[in-house]
Amino acid sequence: MRMTWTNSLRCLLALGLMSGLVACSSLANCFNSGFAPVACGGGYSASDVSSLPQPTPTSAQGRWTGTTSTGRTVAGLVLEDSSYWLFYSAKNNPSILAGLVQGTGTSHSGSFGSSNTRDFNLEDAGIRSATMNGSYVPNKSFLGTIAYLTGDTESFSSTYDGDSESAPNLTLVTGTYVGLRADNHQVTLIVDAAGTLSGHSSDGCTVAGPLSPRATGNVFHTSVTLEGRACSTGNEPLTGVTFFDAATNQLYIAALNSARTTSYLFLGTKR
């Protein structure tokens, strides 16, 4: 009688399993021993597995801080949902927020790319469309170049912020923050112990909304509503991110509408 290749393989597997059971006395003993090398011909015990090299991050996910080629400070997030939020300051003045670069990108083998970049500029340039490309070393460095449809470019370099791995801490964020907008209006914002933020600017625009924690990085999901004639965005609900930079004692907020045609941006220092 002829035996097919498939049947032969099944027989070999059966013989191998039987041999293993004999060596281990029983199926239960084999599993309990973790298929120890001597008794069952190889494998890893629990202690062996813990000593194996652990997988390292392969994406650009995390918090990044650095500077642009034109003297601006940058503080950015690349989140687990592939969105990125890159705040940038006025030239040579890290305490004044000048805008936000936002979009979704792809991280692969040290390269980063995004085709739907938008720059929400607070220095009268408005909303500008762009693309962004760059390179990164996971948990170390992130370099990028923003190419605007007008032909202008802006590049930045940044390093990984160790706070990326911290759990969101509402107690740390709770407090009063004061910031100065690019149009020289002062903004005061309060985050209370329940995670509700409320604030107002010197031109009469008010903001309010809840914070809810994201997975890591002391980053919070944010939903805000603006009220007052001075609010250029009207009263449309906006959603985005909030994070606290413990090194500078500053709070960053960015919220957009679903079409990404309206934004609320804030940078303030804790008082």
C-alpha atoms as a PDB file:
ATOM      1  CA  MET A   1       0.000   0.000   0.000  1.00  0.00           C
ATOM      2  CA  ARG A   2       1.377   3.412  -0.962  1.00  0.00           C
ATOM      3  CA  MET A   3       1.436   6.218   1.628  1.00  0.00           C
ATOM      4  CA  THR A   4       0.962   9.800   0.472  1.00  0.00           C
ATOM      5  CA  TRP A   5       3.313  12.608   1.585  1.00  0.00           C
ATOM      6  CA  THR A   6       0.527  14.095   3.751  1.00  0.00           C
ATOM      7  CA  ASN A   7      -0.078  10.789   5.525  1.00  0.00           C
ATOM      8  CA  SER A   8       3.649  10.379   6.080  1.00  0.00           C
ATOM      9  CA  LEU A   9       3.851  13.776   7.716  1.00  0.00           C
ATOM     10  CA  ARG A  10       0.913  12.934   9.964  1.00  0.00           C
ATOM     11  CA  CYS A  11       2.617   9.714  11.036  1.00  0.00           C
ATOM     12  CA  LEU A  12       5.862  11.523  11.825  1.00  0.00           C
ATOM     13  CA  LEU A  13       4.020  14.126  13.910  1.00  0.00           C
ATOM     14  CA  ALA A  14       2.165  11.406  15.785  1.00  0.00           C
ATOM     15  CA  LEU A  15       5.391   9.517  16.515  1.00  0.00           C
ATOM     16  CA  GLY A  16       7.044  12.729  17.699  1.00  0.00           C
ATOM     17  CA  LEU A  17       4.150  13.501  20.038  1.00  0.00           C
ATOM     18  CA  MET A  18       4.140   9.955  21.419  1.00  0.00           C
ATOM     19  CA  SER A  19       7.873  10.128  22.061  1.00  0.00           C
ATOM     20  CA  GLY A  20       7.452  13.382  23.914  1.00  0.00           C
ATOM     21  CA  LEU A  21       4.665  11.904  26.065  1.00  0.00           C
ATOM     22  CA  VAL A  22       6.783   8.915  26.998  1.00  0.00           C
ATOM     23  CA  ALA A  23       9.679  11.142  28.002  1.00  0.00           C
ATOM     24  CA  CYS A  24       7.430  13.389  30.065  1.00  0.00           C
ATOM     25  CA  SER A  25       5.265  10.556  31.495  1.00  0.00           C
ATOM     26  CA  SER A  26       2.041  12.394  30.560  1.00  0.00           C
ATOM     27  CA  LEU A  27       0.667  15.205  28.435  1.00  0.00           C
ATOM     28  CA  ALA A  28       0.062  17.319  31.561  1.00  0.00           C
ATOM     29  CA  ASN A  29       3.662  16.868  32.699  1.00  0.00           C
ATOM     30  CA  CYS A  30       4.924  17.975  29.311  1.00  0.00           C
ATOM     31  CA  PHE A  31       2.982  21.220  29.452  1.00  0.00           C
ATOM     32  CA  ASN A  32       3.826  21.816  33.104  1.00  0.00           C
ATOM     33  CA  SER A  33       7.512  21.375  32.406  1.00  0.00           C
ATOM     34  CA  GLY A  34       7.397  23.831  29.519  1.00  0.00           C
ATOM     35  CA  PHE A  35       8.816  21.080  27.249  1.00  0.00           C
ATOM     36  CA  ALA A  36      12.117  21.221  29.134  1.00  0.00           C
ATOM     37  CA  PRO A  37      15.133  20.604  26.850  1.00  0.00           C
ATOM     38  CA  VAL A  38      16.295  17.329  28.407  1.00  0.00           C
ATOM     39  CA  ALA A  39      12.917  15.689  28.970  1.00  0.00           C
ATOM     40  CA  CYS A  40      11.128  16.710  25.791  1.00  0.00           C
ATOM     41  CA  GLY A  41      13.803  17.582  23.281  1.00  0.00           C
ATOM     42  CA  GLY A  42      13.833  21.413  23.459  1.00  0.00           C
ATOM     43  CA  GLY A  43      11.705  24.508  24.111  1.00  0.00           C
ATOM     44  CA  TYR A  44      11.612  27.405  26.559  1.00  0.00           C
ATOM     45  CA  SER A  45      10.581  27.556  30.169  1.00  0.00           C
ATOM     46  CA  ALA A  46       8.987  30.670  31.668  1.00  0.00           C
ATOM     47  CA  SER A  47      12.369  31.899  32.881  1.00  0.00           C
ATOM     48  CA  ASP A  48      13.874  31.318  29.430  1.00  0.00           C
ATOM     49  CA  VAL A  49      11.186  33.439  27.765  1.00  0.00           C
ATOM     50  CA  SER A  50      11.708  36.351  30.160  1.00  0.00           C
ATOM     51  CA  SER A  51      15.406  36.416  29.279  1.00  0.00           C
ATOM     52  CA  LEU A  52      14.811  36.591  25.525  1.00  0.00           C
ATOM     53  CA  PRO A  53      15.301  39.972  23.760  1.00  0.00           C
ATOM     54  CA  GLN A  54      12.048  41.911  23.964  1.00  0.00           C
ATOM     55  CA  PRO A  55      10.535  43.596  20.881  1.00  0.00           C
ATOM     56  CA  THR A  56      11.432  47.255  20.479  1.00  0.00           C
ATOM     57  CA  PRO A  57       9.124  49.994  19.171  1.00  0.00           C
ATOM     58  CA  THR A  58       9.245  50.367  15.389  1.00  0.00           C
ATOM     59  CA  SER A  59       7.117  53.491  14.894  1.00  0.00           C
ATOM     60  CA  ALA A  60       7.606  57.199  15.577  1.00  0.00           C
ATOM     61  CA  GLN A  61       5.013  57.083  18.352  1.00  0.00           C
ATOM     62  CA  GLY A  62       5.781  59.231  21.387  1.00  0.00           C
ATOM     63  CA  ARG A  63       6.389  62.775  22.540  1.00  0.00           C
ATOM     64  CA  TRP A  64       9.131  64.820  20.884  1.00  0.00           C
ATOM     65  CA  THR A  65      10.781  68.146  21.717  1.00  0.00           C
ATOM     66  CA  GLY A  66      13.187  70.152  19.595  1.00  0.00           C
ATOM     67  CA  THR A  67      13.686  73.149  17.312  1.00  0.00           C
ATOM     68  CA  THR A  68      13.123  74.183  13.716  1.00  0.00           C
ATOM     69  CA  SER A  69      15.704  75.484  11.282  1.00  0.00           C
ATOM     70  CA  THR A  70      14.297  78.999  11.766  1.00  0.00           C
ATOM     71  CA  GLY A  71      14.639  79.193  15.562  1.00  0.00           C
ATOM     72  CA  ARG A  72      11.233  77.960  16.681  1.00  0.00           C
ATOM     73  CA  THR A  73      10.692  75.532  19.557  1.00  0.00           C
ATOM     74  CA  VAL A  74       8.640  72.439  18.727  1.00  0.00           C
ATOM     75  CA  ALA A  75       6.730  70.076  21.011  1.00  0.00           C
ATOM     76  CA  GLY A  76       5.054  67.192  19.263  1.00  0.00           C
ATOM     77  CA  LEU A  77       3.011  64.049  19.666  1.00  0.00           C
ATOM     78  CA  VAL A  78       2.779  61.004  17.428  1.00  0.00           C
ATOM     79  CA  LEU A  79      -0.124  58.948  18.775  1.00  0.00           C
ATOM     80  CA  GLU A  80      -1.114  55.299  18.540  1.00  0.00           C
ATOM     81  CA  ASP A  81      -3.850  56.184  16.014  1.00  0.00           C
ATOM     82  CA  SER A  82      -1.156  57.550  13.605  1.00  0.00           C
ATOM     83  CA  SER A  83      -2.185  61.177  14.142  1.00  0.00           C
ATOM     84  CA  TYR A  84       0.491  63.742  14.924  1.00  0.00           C
ATOM     85  CA  TRP A  85       0.258  67.134  16.633  1.00  0.00           C
ATOM     86  CA  LEU A  86       3.304  69.391  16.316  1.00  0.00           C
ATOM     87  CA  PHE A  87       3.131  72.676  18.235  1.00  0.00           C
ATOM     88  CA  TYR A  88       5.600  75.394  17.283  1.00  0.00           C
ATOM     89  CA  SER A  89       6.489  78.663  18.966  1.00  0.00           C
ATOM     90  CA  ALA A  90       7.214  82.139  17.669  1.00  0.00           C
ATOM     91  CA  LYS A  91      10.773  82.602  16.415  1.00  0.00           C
ATOM     92  CA  ASN A  92      13.216  82.792  19.302  1.00  0.00           C
ATOM     93  CA  ASN A  93      10.341  82.981  21.821  1.00  0.00           C
ATOM     94  CA  PRO A  94       9.325  79.563  23.211  1.00  0.00           C
ATOM     95  CA  SER A  95       6.640  81.039  25.482  1.00  0.00           C
ATOM     96  CA  ILE A  96       4.408  82.239  22.615  1.00  0.00           C
ATOM     97  CA  LEU A  97       2.541  79.675  20.545  1.00  0.00           C
ATOM     98  CA  ALA A  98       2.672  80.426  16.817  1.00  0.00           C
ATOM     99  CA  GLY A  99       0.823  77.457  15.397  1.00  0.00           C
ATOM    100  CA  LEU A 100       0.201  73.740  15.024  1.00  0.00           C
ATOM    101  CA  VAL A 101       1.116  71.237  12.305  1.00  0.00           C
ATOM    102  CA  GLN A 102      -1.335  68.318  12.284  1.00  0.00           C
ATOM    103  CA  GLY A 103      -2.233  65.282  10.214  1.00  0.00           C
ATOM    104  CA  THR A 104      -1.924  61.500  10.027  1.00  0.00           C
ATOM    105  CA  GLY A 105       1.272  59.763   9.020  1.00  0.00           C
ATOM    106  CA  THR A 106       2.872  56.410   8.343  1.00  0.00           C
ATOM    107  CA  SER A 107       5.899  55.128  10.259  1.00  0.00           C
ATOM    108  CA  HIS A 108       7.896  52.320   8.677  1.00  0.00           C
ATOM    109  CA  SER A 109      11.513  51.169   9.015  1.00  0.00           C
ATOM    110  CA  GLY A 110      12.739  54.545  10.235  1.00  0.00           C
ATOM    111  CA  SER A 111      10.876  56.620   7.643  1.00  0.00           C
ATOM    112  CA  PHE A 112       7.877  58.848   8.311  1.00  0.00           C
ATOM    113  CA  GLY A 113       5.507  60.297   5.730  1.00  0.00           C
ATOM    114  CA  SER A 114       2.258  62.248   5.639  1.00  0.00           C
ATOM    115  CA  SER A 115       0.264  63.563   2.667  1.00  0.00           C
ATOM    116  CA  ASN A 116      -2.488  65.416   4.585  1.00  0.00           C
ATOM    117  CA  THR A 117      -0.486  67.889   6.682  1.00  0.00           C
ATOM    118  CA  ARG A 118      -2.151  71.141   7.699  1.00  0.00           C
ATOM    119  CA  ASP A 119      -0.473  74.076   9.384  1.00  0.00           C
ATOM    120  CA  PHE A 120      -2.788  76.115  11.629  1.00  0.00           C
ATOM    121  CA  ASN A 121      -0.767  79.303  11.846  1.00  0.00           C
ATOM    122  CA  LEU A 122      -1.509  82.047  14.399  1.00  0.00           C
ATOM    123  CA  GLU A 123       0.751  84.640  12.764  1.00  0.00           C
ATOM    124  CA  ASP A 124      -1.751  85.664  10.061  1.00  0.00           C
ATOM    125  CA  ALA A 125      -0.728  82.955   7.576  1.00  0.00           C
ATOM    126  CA  GLY A 126      -3.996  81.065   8.147  1.00  0.00           C
ATOM    127  CA  ILE A 127      -4.400  77.349   7.393  1.00  0.00           C
ATOM    128  CA  ARG A 128      -1.855  75.973   4.932  1.00  0.00           C
ATOM    129  CA  SER A 129      -1.798  72.551   3.277  1.00  0.00           C
ATOM    130  CA  ALA A 130       1.462  70.620   3.094  1.00  0.00           C
ATOM    131  CA  THR A 131       3.149  67.238   3.159  1.00  0.00           C
ATOM    132  CA  MET A 132       5.666  66.006   5.705  1.00  0.00           C
ATOM    133  CA  ASN A 133       8.489  63.514   5.385  1.00  0.00           C
ATOM    134  CA  GLY A 134      11.182  62.541   7.818  1.00  0.00           C
ATOM    135  CA  SER A 135      13.230  59.908   9.562  1.00  0.00           C
ATOM    136  CA  TYR A 136      13.234  58.597  13.105  1.00  0.00           C
ATOM    137  CA  VAL A 137      15.018  56.296  15.499  1.00  0.00           C
ATOM    138  CA  PRO A 138      12.410  54.825  17.867  1.00  0.00           C
ATOM    139  CA  ASN A 139      12.606  56.366  21.354  1.00  0.00           C
ATOM    140  CA  LYS A 140      15.591  58.529  20.315  1.00  0.00           C
ATOM    141  CA  SER A 141      15.231  61.057  17.497  1.00  0.00           C
ATOM    142  CA  PHE A 142      12.752  62.374  14.944  1.00  0.00           C
ATOM    143  CA  LEU A 143      13.717  64.637  12.015  1.00  0.00           C
ATOM    144  CA  GLY A 144      11.161  66.073   9.615  1.00  0.00           C
ATOM    145  CA  THR A 145      10.629  68.440   6.700  1.00  0.00           C
ATOM    146  CA  ILE A 146       7.312  70.146   6.025  1.00  0.00           C
ATOM    147  CA  ALA A 147       6.772  71.036   2.361  1.00  0.00           C
ATOM    148  CA  TYR A 148       3.999  73.569   1.735  1.00  0.00           C
ATOM    149  CA  LEU A 149       2.013  73.657  -1.484  1.00  0.00           C
ATOM    150  CA  THR A 150       3.367  77.197  -1.985  1.00  0.00           C
ATOM    151  CA  GLY A 151       6.868  75.754  -2.339  1.00  0.00           C
ATOM    152  CA  ASP A 152       8.133  76.851   1.095  1.00  0.00           C
ATOM    153  CA  THR A 153       9.702  74.321   3.441  1.00  0.00           C
ATOM    154  CA  GLU A 154      10.420  74.095   7.158  1.00  0.00           C
ATOM    155  CA  SER A 155      12.537  71.441   8.844  1.00  0.00           C
ATOM    156  CA  PHE A 156      12.855  70.407  12.476  1.00  0.00           C
ATOM    157  CA  SER A 157      14.891  68.082  14.658  1.00  0.00           C
ATOM    158  CA  SER A 158      13.676  66.612  17.928  1.00  0.00           C
ATOM    159  CA  THR A 159      14.520  64.087  20.609  1.00  0.00           C
ATOM    160  CA  TYR A 160      12.340  61.609  22.444  1.00  0.00           C
ATOM    161  CA  ASP A 161      10.702  62.810  25.657  1.00  0.00           C
ATOM    162  CA  GLY A 162      10.898  60.196  28.408  1.00  0.00           C
ATOM    163  CA  ASP A 163       7.532  61.406  29.702  1.00  0.00           C
ATOM    164  CA  SER A 164       6.040  59.587  26.700  1.00  0.00           C
ATOM    165  CA  GLU A 165       5.917  56.475  28.852  1.00  0.00           C
ATOM    166  CA  SER A 166       4.208  58.093  31.850  1.00  0.00           C
ATOM    167  CA  ALA A 167       0.557  57.435  32.600  1.00  0.00           C
ATOM    168  CA  PRO A 168      -1.775  60.452  32.367  1.00  0.00           C
ATOM    169  CA  ASN A 169      -1.723  62.268  35.714  1.00  0.00           C
ATOM    170  CA  LEU A 170      -4.659  64.615  36.259  1.00  0.00           C
ATOM    171  CA  THR A 171      -3.305  65.722  39.644  1.00  0.00           C
ATOM    172  CA  LEU A 172      -0.174  66.988  37.922  1.00  0.00           C
ATOM    173  CA  VAL A 173      -2.199  68.844  35.286  1.00  0.00           C
ATOM    174  CA  THR A 174      -4.686  70.461  37.694  1.00  0.00           C
ATOM    175  CA  GLY A 175      -4.024  74.185  38.109  1.00  0.00           C
ATOM    176  CA  THR A 176      -4.180  77.630  36.522  1.00  0.00           C
ATOM    177  CA  TYR A 177      -2.304  78.483  33.333  1.00  0.00           C
ATOM    178  CA  VAL A 178      -1.608  81.806  31.663  1.00  0.00           C
ATOM    179  CA  GLY A 179      -0.459  82.249  28.087  1.00  0.00           C
ATOM    180  CA  LEU A 180      -0.015  84.968  25.496  1.00  0.00           C
ATOM    181  CA  ARG A 181      -1.427  84.501  22.005  1.00  0.00           C
ATOM    182  CA  ALA A 182       0.406  85.577  18.885  1.00  0.00           C
ATOM    183  CA  ASP A 183      -2.045  88.489  18.602  1.00  0.00           C
ATOM    184  CA  ASN A 184      -0.932  89.627  22.102  1.00  0.00           C
ATOM    185  CA  HIS A 185      -4.198  88.699  23.838  1.00  0.00           C
ATOM    186  CA  GLN A 186      -3.691  86.986  27.202  1.00  0.00           C
ATOM    187  CA  VAL A 187      -5.456  83.686  27.890  1.00  0.00           C
ATOM    188  CA  THR A 188      -6.127  82.282  31.373  1.00  0.00           C
ATOM    189  CA  LEU A 189      -7.188  78.662  31.681  1.00  0.00           C
ATOM    190  CA  ILE A 190      -8.052  76.483  34.698  1.00  0.00           C
ATOM    191  CA  VAL A 191      -8.049  72.682  34.877  1.00  0.00           C
ATOM    192  CA  ASP A 192      -9.922  71.438  37.943  1.00  0.00           C
ATOM    193  CA  ALA A 193      -9.548  68.169  39.870  1.00  0.00           C
ATOM    194  CA  ALA A 194     -12.448  66.600  37.965  1.00  0.00           C
ATOM    195  CA  GLY A 195     -10.715  67.115  34.623  1.00  0.00           C
ATOM    196  CA  THR A 196     -12.811  70.039  33.411  1.00  0.00           C
ATOM    197  CA  LEU A 197     -11.059  72.942  31.748  1.00  0.00           C
ATOM    198  CA  SER A 198     -12.431  76.477  31.554  1.00  0.00           C
ATOM    199  CA  GLY A 199     -10.878  79.735  30.525  1.00  0.00           C
ATOM    200  CA  HIS A 200     -11.115  83.087  28.840  1.00  0.00           C
ATOM    201  CA  SER A 201      -9.011  85.459  26.788  1.00  0.00           C
ATOM    202  CA  SER A 202      -8.626  89.187  27.202  1.00  0.00           C
ATOM    203  CA  ASP A 203     -10.726  89.764  24.056  1.00  0.00           C
ATOM    204  CA  GLY A 204     -13.750  88.052  25.642  1.00  0.00           C
ATOM    205  CA  CYS A 205     -13.644  84.550  24.116  1.00  0.00           C
ATOM    206  CA  THR A 206     -14.363  81.759  26.633  1.00  0.00           C
ATOM    207  CA  VAL A 207     -13.583  78.038  26.420  1.00  0.00           C
ATOM    208  CA  ALA A 208     -14.863  75.030  28.362  1.00  0.00           C
ATOM    209  CA  GLY A 209     -14.772  71.259  28.079  1.00  0.00           C
ATOM    210  CA  PRO A 210     -13.746  67.930  29.635  1.00  0.00           C
ATOM    211  CA  LEU A 211     -10.436  66.057  29.578  1.00  0.00           C
ATOM    212  CA  SER A 212     -10.212  62.271  29.505  1.00  0.00           C
ATOM    213  CA  PRO A 213      -6.940  60.303  29.741  1.00  0.00           C
ATOM    214  CA  ARG A 214      -5.350  58.566  26.777  1.00  0.00           C
ATOM    215  CA  ALA A 215      -3.128  55.521  27.188  1.00  0.00           C
ATOM    216  CA  THR A 216       0.301  57.052  27.870  1.00  0.00           C
ATOM    217  CA  GLY A 217       2.436  60.169  27.813  1.00  0.00           C
ATOM    218  CA  ASN A 218       0.386  62.301  30.177  1.00  0.00           C
ATOM    219  CA  VAL A 219      -1.831  63.017  27.146  1.00  0.00           C
ATOM    220  CA  PHE A 220      -5.565  63.652  27.386  1.00  0.00           C
ATOM    221  CA  HIS A 221      -8.369  63.543  24.855  1.00  0.00           C
ATOM    222  CA  THR A 222      -9.961  66.989  24.721  1.00  0.00           C
ATOM    223  CA  SER A 223     -13.373  68.312  23.697  1.00  0.00           C
ATOM    224  CA  VAL A 224     -14.020  72.062  23.926  1.00  0.00           C
ATOM    225  CA  THR A 225     -16.690  74.590  23.057  1.00  0.00           C
ATOM    226  CA  LEU A 226     -15.966  78.295  22.535  1.00  0.00           C
ATOM    227  CA  GLU A 227     -18.386  81.120  23.274  1.00  0.00           C
ATOM    228  CA  GLY A 228     -18.307  84.868  22.719  1.00  0.00           C
ATOM    229  CA  ARG A 229     -18.286  87.204  19.759  1.00  0.00           C
ATOM    230  CA  ALA A 230     -14.508  87.404  19.873  1.00  0.00           C
ATOM    231  CA  CYS A 231     -14.168  83.678  19.176  1.00  0.00           C
ATOM    232  CA  SER A 232     -13.226  83.340  15.535  1.00  0.00           C
ATOM    233  CA  THR A 233     -14.392  79.713  15.554  1.00  0.00           C
ATOM    234  CA  GLY A 234     -17.957  80.333  16.724  1.00  0.00           C
ATOM    235  CA  ASN A 235     -19.488  77.746  19.062  1.00  0.00           C
ATOM    236  CA  GLU A 236     -18.761  74.604  17.032  1.00  0.00           C
ATOM    237  CA  PRO A 237     -17.509  71.708  19.234  1.00  0.00           C
ATOM    238  CA  LEU A 238     -13.842  70.891  18.677  1.00  0.00           C
ATOM    239  CA  THR A 239     -11.838  67.793  19.654  1.00  0.00           C
ATOM    240  CA  GLY A 240      -8.149  67.123  20.042  1.00  0.00           C
ATOM    241  CA  VAL A 241      -5.387  66.634  22.602  1.00  0.00           C
ATOM    242  CA  THR A 242      -3.994  68.162  25.777  1.00  0.00           C
ATOM    243  CA  PHE A 243      -0.649  67.379  27.366  1.00  0.00           C
ATOM    244  CA  PHE A 244       1.470  68.762  30.176  1.00  0.00           C
ATOM    245  CA  ASP A 245       5.218  69.279  29.837  1.00  0.00           C
ATOM    246  CA  ALA A 246       6.630  68.777  33.323  1.00  0.00           C
ATOM    247  CA  ALA A 247      10.074  70.078  32.297  1.00  0.00           C
ATOM    248  CA  THR A 248       8.729  73.524  31.349  1.00  0.00           C
ATOM    249  CA  ASN A 249       5.565  73.517  33.504  1.00  0.00           C
ATOM    250  CA  GLN A 250       3.529  74.255  30.363  1.00  0.00           C
ATOM    251  CA  LEU A 251       0.160  73.012  29.147  1.00  0.00           C
ATOM    252  CA  TYR A 252      -0.512  72.444  25.434  1.00  0.00           C
ATOM    253  CA  ILE A 253      -4.023  72.217  23.956  1.00  0.00           C
ATOM    254  CA  ALA A 254      -5.086  71.694  20.348  1.00  0.00           C
ATOM    255  CA  ALA A 255      -8.646  71.024  19.208  1.00  0.00           C
ATOM    256  CA  LEU A 256     -10.045  70.924  15.652  1.00  0.00           C
ATOM    257  CA  ASN A 257     -13.401  70.465  13.984  1.00  0.00           C
ATOM    258  CA  SER A 258     -13.974  67.315  11.924  1.00  0.00           C
ATOM    259  CA  ALA A 259     -13.215  69.093   8.638  1.00  0.00           C
ATOM    260  CA  ARG A 260      -9.976  70.560  10.050  1.00  0.00           C
ATOM    261  CA  THR A 261     -11.028  74.047   9.015  1.00  0.00           C
ATOM    262  CA  THR A 262     -11.287  75.445  12.556  1.00  0.00           C
ATOM    263  CA  SER A 263      -8.879  75.225  15.483  1.00  0.00           C
ATOM    264  CA  TYR A 264      -8.400  76.178  19.111  1.00  0.00           C
ATOM    265  CA  LEU A 265      -4.766  76.315  20.245  1.00  0.00           C
ATOM    266  CA  PHE A 266      -3.331  77.123  23.664  1.00  0.00           C
ATOM    267  CA  LEU A 267       0.058  77.233  25.351  1.00  0.00           C
ATOM    268  CA  GLY A 268       0.259  78.421  28.932  1.00  0.00           C
ATOM    269  CA  THR A 269       2.571  78.243  31.916  1.00  0.00           C
ATOM    270  CA  LYS A 270       1.333  76.960  35.280  1.00  0.00           C
ATOM    271  CA  ARG A 271       1.011  79.593  37.993  1.00  0.00           C
END
